[in-house]
Protein backbone atom coordinates (compact mmCIF):
# COMPACT_ATOMS: atom_id res chain seq x y z
CA MET A 1 267.23 260.61 -13.31
CA GLU A 2 268.62 262.98 -15.89
CA ARG A 3 266.78 266.22 -16.62
CA SER A 4 266.01 264.95 -20.14
CA SER A 5 264.75 261.52 -19.02
CA LYS A 6 261.24 260.63 -20.17
CA ILE A 7 259.06 260.46 -17.05
CA TYR A 8 255.50 259.13 -17.02
CA VAL A 9 253.29 260.32 -14.17
CA ALA A 10 250.21 258.07 -13.96
CA GLY A 11 247.40 259.91 -12.21
CA HIS A 12 248.75 263.37 -12.96
CA THR A 13 245.39 265.09 -12.37
CA GLY A 14 245.01 263.85 -8.80
CA LEU A 15 246.18 265.32 -5.51
CA VAL A 16 249.59 263.60 -5.53
CA GLY A 17 250.05 263.46 -9.29
CA THR A 18 249.66 267.21 -9.78
CA ALA A 19 252.13 267.82 -6.96
CA ILE A 20 254.68 265.41 -8.49
CA VAL A 21 254.42 267.07 -11.92
CA ARG A 22 254.82 270.48 -10.29
CA LYS A 23 257.87 269.33 -8.31
CA LEU A 24 259.51 267.72 -11.36
CA LYS A 25 259.10 270.94 -13.35
CA GLU A 26 260.51 272.97 -10.46
CA LYS A 27 263.61 270.77 -10.53
CA GLY A 28 264.10 271.16 -14.28
CA TYR A 29 262.70 267.89 -15.62
CA SER A 30 261.22 268.78 -18.99
CA ASN A 31 260.28 265.48 -20.64
CA ILE A 32 257.16 264.62 -18.64
CA VAL A 33 254.52 262.38 -20.20
CA THR A 34 250.91 262.44 -18.99
CA ARG A 35 247.57 261.14 -20.19
CA THR A 36 244.08 262.06 -19.03
CA HIS A 37 241.51 259.37 -18.33
CA ALA A 38 239.84 260.19 -21.66
CA GLU A 39 243.15 259.68 -23.45
CA LEU A 40 244.20 256.47 -21.68
CA GLU A 41 241.99 254.04 -19.77
CA LEU A 42 244.34 252.52 -17.20
CA LEU A 43 241.89 249.67 -16.55
CA ASP A 44 242.41 248.53 -20.14
CA TYR A 45 245.45 246.24 -20.32
CA ASN A 46 245.88 246.50 -24.08
CA ALA A 47 245.60 250.29 -24.01
CA VAL A 48 248.28 250.51 -21.30
CA ILE A 49 250.60 248.12 -23.16
CA ASN A 50 250.19 250.09 -26.40
CA PHE A 51 250.92 253.34 -24.56
CA PHE A 52 254.14 251.97 -23.06
CA ASN A 53 255.21 250.42 -26.36
CA SER A 54 254.75 253.78 -28.05
CA GLU A 55 256.11 256.20 -25.41
CA LYS A 56 258.88 254.07 -23.84
CA PRO A 57 259.17 256.05 -20.57
CA ASP A 58 262.42 255.77 -18.60
CA TYR A 59 260.82 256.40 -15.21
CA VAL A 60 257.29 255.93 -13.88
CA PHE A 61 255.47 257.48 -10.92
CA LEU A 62 252.40 255.30 -10.27
CA ALA A 63 250.08 257.74 -8.51
CA ALA A 64 246.88 256.65 -10.28
CA ALA A 65 244.27 255.02 -8.03
CA ARG A 66 240.66 255.03 -6.97
CA VAL A 67 240.69 256.73 -3.57
CA GLY A 68 238.23 258.07 -1.02
CA GLY A 69 237.36 258.40 2.66
CA ILE A 70 235.64 255.96 5.02
CA MET A 71 232.23 256.35 3.37
CA ALA A 72 233.55 255.74 -0.15
CA ASN A 73 235.82 252.85 0.90
CA ASN A 74 233.02 251.08 2.74
CA THR A 75 230.39 251.72 0.04
CA TYR A 76 232.36 250.93 -3.13
CA ARG A 77 234.31 247.95 -1.80
CA ALA A 78 234.28 245.95 -5.05
CA GLN A 79 235.34 248.93 -7.18
CA PHE A 80 238.15 249.83 -4.80
CA ILE A 81 239.77 246.40 -4.90
CA PHE A 82 239.14 245.62 -8.58
CA GLU A 83 240.10 248.98 -10.07
CA ASN A 84 243.21 249.48 -7.96
CA LEU A 85 244.47 245.96 -8.66
CA GLN A 86 243.79 246.38 -12.37
CA ILE A 87 245.49 249.78 -12.67
CA GLN A 88 248.65 248.81 -10.80
CA ASN A 89 248.91 245.37 -12.45
CA ASN A 90 248.71 246.93 -15.90
CA ILE A 91 251.27 249.67 -15.25
CA ILE A 92 253.78 247.58 -13.28
CA HIS A 93 253.74 244.77 -15.84
CA ALA A 94 253.98 247.17 -18.79
CA SER A 95 256.91 248.89 -17.07
CA TYR A 96 258.71 245.54 -16.79
CA LEU A 97 258.01 244.61 -20.41
CA ASN A 98 259.37 247.95 -21.64
CA GLY A 99 262.50 248.08 -19.48
CA VAL A 100 261.54 251.03 -17.32
CA LYS A 101 264.63 252.03 -15.29
CA LYS A 102 262.75 252.77 -12.10
CA LEU A 103 259.13 252.82 -10.95
CA LEU A 104 257.73 254.41 -7.80
CA PHE A 105 254.46 252.84 -6.59
CA LEU A 106 252.37 254.93 -4.21
CA GLY A 107 250.43 252.97 -1.62
CA SER A 108 248.67 254.07 1.57
CA SER A 109 249.14 253.84 5.32
CA CYS A 110 245.90 251.82 5.52
CA ILE A 111 247.96 248.76 4.49
CA TYR A 112 248.90 248.32 8.14
CA PRO A 113 246.95 246.30 10.73
CA ARG A 114 244.15 248.04 12.60
CA GLU A 115 245.83 247.35 15.95
CA ALA A 116 249.42 247.92 14.82
CA PRO A 117 251.80 249.24 17.52
CA GLN A 118 252.45 252.98 17.26
CA PRO A 119 254.30 254.52 15.56
CA ILE A 120 253.93 252.04 12.69
CA LYS A 121 257.15 250.54 11.34
CA GLU A 122 257.35 249.09 7.83
CA GLU A 123 257.94 245.64 9.36
CA TYR A 124 254.42 245.59 10.88
CA LEU A 125 252.86 244.85 7.48
CA LEU A 126 250.72 241.65 7.47
CA THR A 127 251.16 240.98 11.20
CA SER A 128 247.43 241.13 12.13
CA PRO A 129 243.96 241.98 10.68
CA LEU A 130 243.27 245.16 8.71
CA GLU A 131 240.67 247.85 9.44
CA TYR A 132 237.40 246.51 8.00
CA THR A 133 236.08 249.70 6.39
CA ASN A 134 238.98 250.01 3.93
CA GLU A 135 240.15 246.39 3.75
CA PRO A 136 239.59 245.96 -0.03
CA TYR A 137 241.62 249.09 -0.84
CA ALA A 138 244.36 248.07 1.59
CA ILE A 139 244.63 244.57 0.11
CA ALA A 140 245.02 246.06 -3.37
CA LYS A 141 247.85 248.29 -2.17
CA ILE A 142 249.55 245.40 -0.34
CA ALA A 143 249.39 243.44 -3.58
CA GLY A 144 251.13 246.35 -5.32
CA ILE A 145 253.97 246.29 -2.80
CA LYS A 146 254.42 242.56 -3.19
CA MET A 147 254.22 242.81 -6.97
CA CYS A 148 257.04 245.36 -7.03
CA GLU A 149 259.19 243.24 -4.69
CA SER A 150 258.47 240.08 -6.68
CA TYR A 151 259.29 241.65 -10.04
CA ASN A 152 262.52 243.00 -8.59
CA LEU A 153 263.52 239.56 -7.31
CA GLN A 154 262.52 237.59 -10.39
CA TYR A 155 263.25 240.06 -13.18
CA GLY A 156 265.86 242.40 -11.69
CA THR A 157 263.66 245.50 -11.99
CA ASN A 158 264.07 248.58 -9.79
CA PHE A 159 260.52 249.13 -8.54
CA ILE A 160 260.10 250.92 -5.20
CA SER A 161 256.98 251.29 -3.04
CA VAL A 162 256.24 254.22 -0.76
CA MET A 163 253.45 254.42 1.80
CA PRO A 164 252.23 257.97 2.45
CA THR A 165 250.26 259.03 5.47
CA ASN A 166 247.03 261.05 5.04
CA LEU A 167 247.63 263.67 2.37
CA TYR A 168 246.10 267.08 1.69
CA GLY A 169 246.92 270.00 -0.58
CA PRO A 170 245.98 271.76 -3.84
CA ASN A 171 243.61 269.86 -6.13
CA ASP A 172 242.19 267.80 -3.29
CA ASN A 173 238.80 266.09 -3.55
CA TYR A 174 236.10 268.15 -1.79
CA ASP A 175 233.15 265.95 -2.80
CA LEU A 176 231.47 265.44 0.58
CA ALA A 177 230.31 261.94 -0.39
CA LYS A 178 233.82 260.75 -1.28
CA SER A 179 236.42 263.05 0.26
CA HIS A 180 238.95 262.29 2.98
CA VAL A 181 238.56 263.76 6.43
CA LEU A 182 240.56 267.00 6.12
CA PRO A 183 239.08 268.34 2.85
CA ALA A 184 235.61 267.31 4.08
CA ILE A 185 236.08 269.30 7.30
CA ILE A 186 237.47 272.31 5.41
CA ARG A 187 234.49 272.43 3.06
CA LYS A 188 231.94 271.83 5.81
CA MET A 189 233.43 274.60 7.95
CA HIS A 190 233.56 276.97 4.98
CA LEU A 191 229.91 276.38 4.02
CA ALA A 192 228.88 276.60 7.67
CA LYS A 193 230.64 279.94 8.03
CA CYS A 194 228.88 281.24 4.91
CA LEU A 195 225.53 280.03 6.28
CA GLU A 196 226.36 281.62 9.62
CA GLN A 197 226.99 284.95 7.87
CA ASN A 198 223.96 284.49 5.59
CA ASN A 199 226.40 284.82 2.68
CA TRP A 200 224.35 283.14 -0.02
CA LYS A 201 226.55 284.45 -2.80
CA ALA A 202 229.52 282.49 -1.39
CA ILE A 203 227.37 279.38 -0.85
CA ARG A 204 226.13 279.49 -4.44
CA ASN A 205 229.66 280.08 -5.75
CA ASP A 206 230.84 277.00 -3.85
CA LEU A 207 228.06 274.80 -5.21
CA SER A 208 228.61 276.13 -8.72
CA VAL A 209 232.23 274.98 -8.58
CA LEU A 210 231.32 271.58 -7.10
CA PRO A 211 227.62 270.62 -6.73
CA ILE A 212 226.60 268.45 -3.79
CA ASP A 213 224.40 265.53 -4.86
CA ARG A 214 223.74 267.41 -8.12
CA VAL A 215 222.53 270.49 -6.24
CA GLY A 216 224.36 273.42 -7.82
CA GLY A 217 224.60 277.13 -7.23
CA ASN A 218 221.42 277.91 -9.17
CA ALA A 219 219.24 275.66 -7.04
CA LYS A 220 216.45 277.00 -4.85
CA GLU A 221 217.39 278.06 -1.33
CA ASP A 222 215.32 275.28 0.24
CA GLU A 223 217.08 272.65 -1.92
CA ILE A 224 220.47 273.98 -0.89
CA LEU A 225 219.56 273.99 2.80
CA GLU A 226 218.27 270.42 2.49
CA VAL A 227 221.46 269.07 0.90
CA LEU A 228 223.65 270.97 3.38
CA ALA A 229 221.67 269.44 6.24
CA LYS A 230 222.12 265.99 4.72
CA TYR A 231 225.88 266.45 5.10
CA GLY A 232 225.71 267.87 8.59
CA ILE A 233 225.56 271.64 7.99
CA GLN A 234 222.43 273.33 9.36
CA LYS A 235 221.00 276.00 11.60
CA SER A 236 219.71 274.90 14.98
CA SER A 237 215.96 275.04 15.58
CA GLY A 238 216.41 277.39 18.55
CA CYS A 239 215.66 281.08 18.43
CA GLU A 240 219.35 281.94 18.14
CA GLY A 241 219.67 280.01 14.89
CA LYS A 242 223.23 278.92 15.63
CA VAL A 243 224.87 276.97 12.81
CA ILE A 244 225.86 273.39 13.67
CA VAL A 245 228.38 271.20 11.85
CA THR A 246 228.05 267.46 12.44
CA LEU A 247 231.15 265.37 11.86
CA TRP A 248 231.50 261.59 11.70
CA GLY A 249 232.63 259.49 14.66
CA SER A 250 233.76 260.48 18.12
CA GLY A 251 236.61 262.82 17.17
CA LYS A 252 238.99 260.73 19.25
CA PRO A 253 240.98 258.91 16.53
CA MET A 254 244.45 260.26 15.83
CA ARG A 255 245.66 261.05 12.32
CA GLU A 256 248.87 262.22 10.72
CA PHE A 257 248.75 264.67 7.79
CA LEU A 258 251.33 265.49 5.12
CA HIS A 259 251.07 268.29 2.56
CA SER A 260 251.10 267.01 -1.02
CA SER A 261 254.05 269.28 -1.89
CA ASP A 262 256.11 267.53 0.78
CA MET A 263 254.89 264.15 -0.50
CA ALA A 264 255.97 265.04 -4.03
CA ASP A 265 259.34 266.25 -2.78
CA ALA A 266 259.88 262.94 -0.97
CA CYS A 267 258.86 260.92 -4.05
CA VAL A 268 261.24 262.78 -6.35
CA PHE A 269 264.01 262.50 -3.72
CA ILE A 270 263.56 258.71 -3.55
CA MET A 271 263.39 258.38 -7.33
CA GLU A 272 266.63 260.35 -7.67
CA LYS A 273 268.64 258.85 -4.82
CA VAL A 274 267.26 255.48 -3.65
CA ASN A 275 267.31 252.07 -5.33
CA PHE A 276 265.70 248.75 -4.43
CA SER A 277 269.16 247.37 -3.65
CA ASP A 278 269.54 250.05 -0.94
CA LEU A 279 266.29 248.93 0.68
CA SER A 280 266.83 245.16 0.45
CA ARG A 281 270.53 244.98 1.32
CA GLY A 282 271.36 242.38 3.98
CA MET A 283 267.91 240.73 4.02
CA SER A 284 267.82 236.93 4.04
CA GLU A 285 264.15 237.11 3.09
CA VAL A 286 263.31 240.20 1.06
CA ARG A 287 260.13 241.79 2.39
CA ASN A 288 258.92 245.13 3.76
CA THR A 289 261.22 247.10 1.48
CA HIS A 290 258.60 249.86 1.16
CA VAL A 291 259.22 253.28 2.71
CA ASN A 292 256.80 255.19 4.96
CA ILE A 293 256.37 258.86 4.08
CA GLY A 294 254.98 261.15 6.75
CA THR A 295 255.73 263.73 9.41
CA GLY A 296 256.01 261.49 12.46
CA LYS A 297 253.41 263.71 14.24
CA ASP A 298 249.67 263.21 14.67
CA ILE A 299 246.59 265.04 15.94
CA SER A 300 243.11 263.93 17.04
CA ILE A 301 240.26 264.52 14.60
CA ALA A 302 238.60 266.72 17.24
CA GLU A 303 241.73 268.85 17.51
CA LEU A 304 241.95 268.97 13.73
CA ALA A 305 238.36 270.20 13.53
CA GLN A 306 239.12 272.98 16.01
CA LEU A 307 242.24 273.94 14.06
CA VAL A 308 240.29 274.17 10.79
CA ARG A 309 237.46 276.01 12.54
CA GLY A 310 239.89 278.72 13.67
CA ILE A 311 241.55 279.06 10.27
CA VAL A 312 238.21 279.22 8.41
CA GLY A 313 236.60 281.51 10.97
CA PHE A 314 233.52 279.43 11.78
CA ASN A 315 231.93 280.37 15.13
CA GLY A 316 229.16 277.81 15.39
CA GLU A 317 228.94 274.45 17.13
CA ILE A 318 230.65 271.16 16.27
CA VAL A 319 228.68 267.97 17.01
CA TRP A 320 230.07 264.43 16.75
CA ASP A 321 227.92 261.60 15.39
CA SER A 322 229.20 258.57 17.28
CA THR A 323 226.88 256.25 15.35
CA LYS A 324 229.25 256.65 12.40
CA PRO A 325 232.52 254.67 12.26
CA ASP A 326 235.81 256.10 13.52
CA GLY A 327 238.01 253.83 11.45
CA THR A 328 241.39 252.85 12.85
CA TYR A 329 242.01 254.60 16.17
CA ARG A 330 245.56 255.69 15.36
CA LYS A 331 247.80 255.54 12.29
CA LEU A 332 251.09 257.29 13.05
CA LEU A 333 253.89 256.24 10.74
CA ASP A 334 257.41 255.56 11.89
CA VAL A 335 259.49 257.62 9.43
CA ASN A 336 262.97 256.71 10.69
CA LYS A 337 263.80 254.81 7.49
CA LEU A 338 262.95 257.89 5.42
CA HIS A 339 264.90 260.21 7.74
CA ASN A 340 267.89 257.88 7.55
CA LEU A 341 267.70 258.07 3.75
CA GLY A 342 268.06 261.85 4.10
CA TRP A 343 264.57 263.38 3.79
CA THR A 344 262.27 265.20 6.26
CA HIS A 345 259.06 267.21 5.77
CA LYS A 346 259.04 271.02 5.60
CA ILE A 347 255.40 272.21 5.87
CA ASP A 348 253.72 272.05 9.29
CA LEU A 349 249.98 271.35 9.55
CA ASN A 350 248.83 274.84 10.57
CA GLN A 351 250.74 276.46 7.72
CA GLY A 352 249.60 273.81 5.26
CA ILE A 353 245.89 274.15 6.08
CA ARG A 354 246.12 277.95 5.77
CA MET A 355 247.70 277.55 2.32
CA VAL A 356 245.06 275.05 1.25
CA TYR A 357 242.11 277.10 2.50
CA GLN A 358 243.34 280.23 0.77
CA GLY A 359 243.56 278.25 -2.46
CA TYR A 360 240.05 276.89 -1.85
CA ILE A 361 238.65 280.41 -1.43
CA ASN A 362 240.51 281.74 -4.48
CA ALA A 363 238.95 279.02 -6.64
CA ARG A 364 235.48 280.15 -5.58
CA LEU A 365 235.75 283.93 -6.01
């Protein structure tokens, strides 16, 4: 990419999209095109085609998607498969029609089989059944990979797919009904600490920034306590009144986490230096050309909870609700392909969570 190239970042308001825009600007790219949801409905084929016909971007980062944690994936199954298929179909096809030089499609590590050997190599795709709770979302993302490969083979495009591990960072989603595991734990621990300290000003500030089930900072104390309890944050009934945080599952599953700044750095690196021909060279049957992006290190959810607890400063009790699903037991990505291409992550998990939590607090002062 040249510094003056026109670059469209689809999904620029999300966790990854904001990080990609930030990274591009840091590197001197000045011709960045974005559209909010109000300005461009990505589910609308004609609107997307008209946008591409008008703007004619040279490069596209496809970071737009409907995303969420286990609860959201399992609850909104139809929306997750329909909306993700529709968004990526519209943008990939419009990119082909308008001669986009290169497109980077962002998928997810949930594309891999539930019982995939660890660490997960790119070649394990479609070798056995998926995890049930996020199967619709995973199938949509697999379709995106295959669409990019197929367009490359039939039309000679240069569309690349990357599969990130679990991401976290600035502008994450802290909605307790829809968030991923790390932001959910951070917010729960923060609210629990405030409850522990009887810091109602901080609790109300938090709910004013992001209400929980429409309960905002001006709600009555009883209403706030009720909605906090619904999401597993409450004082025990004993005389000590210790605050308890209840988290989903057993805490045993292992997860890998990558800071969104590292993810953005990897995406820009691949867009600048890697082509589809580099990834498909020597293959008799072209498949699994996608690239895993991660750290190559994982941690149990229980260990993660203790790490967040220490960083936040919560002193209460953590309880695990084993009646709730764990999801896939382990999802550690093999990142040898990425390392061989010349990129490795820079931000370790402890440092990254400290950065994120400080940003979370600053937004609620």
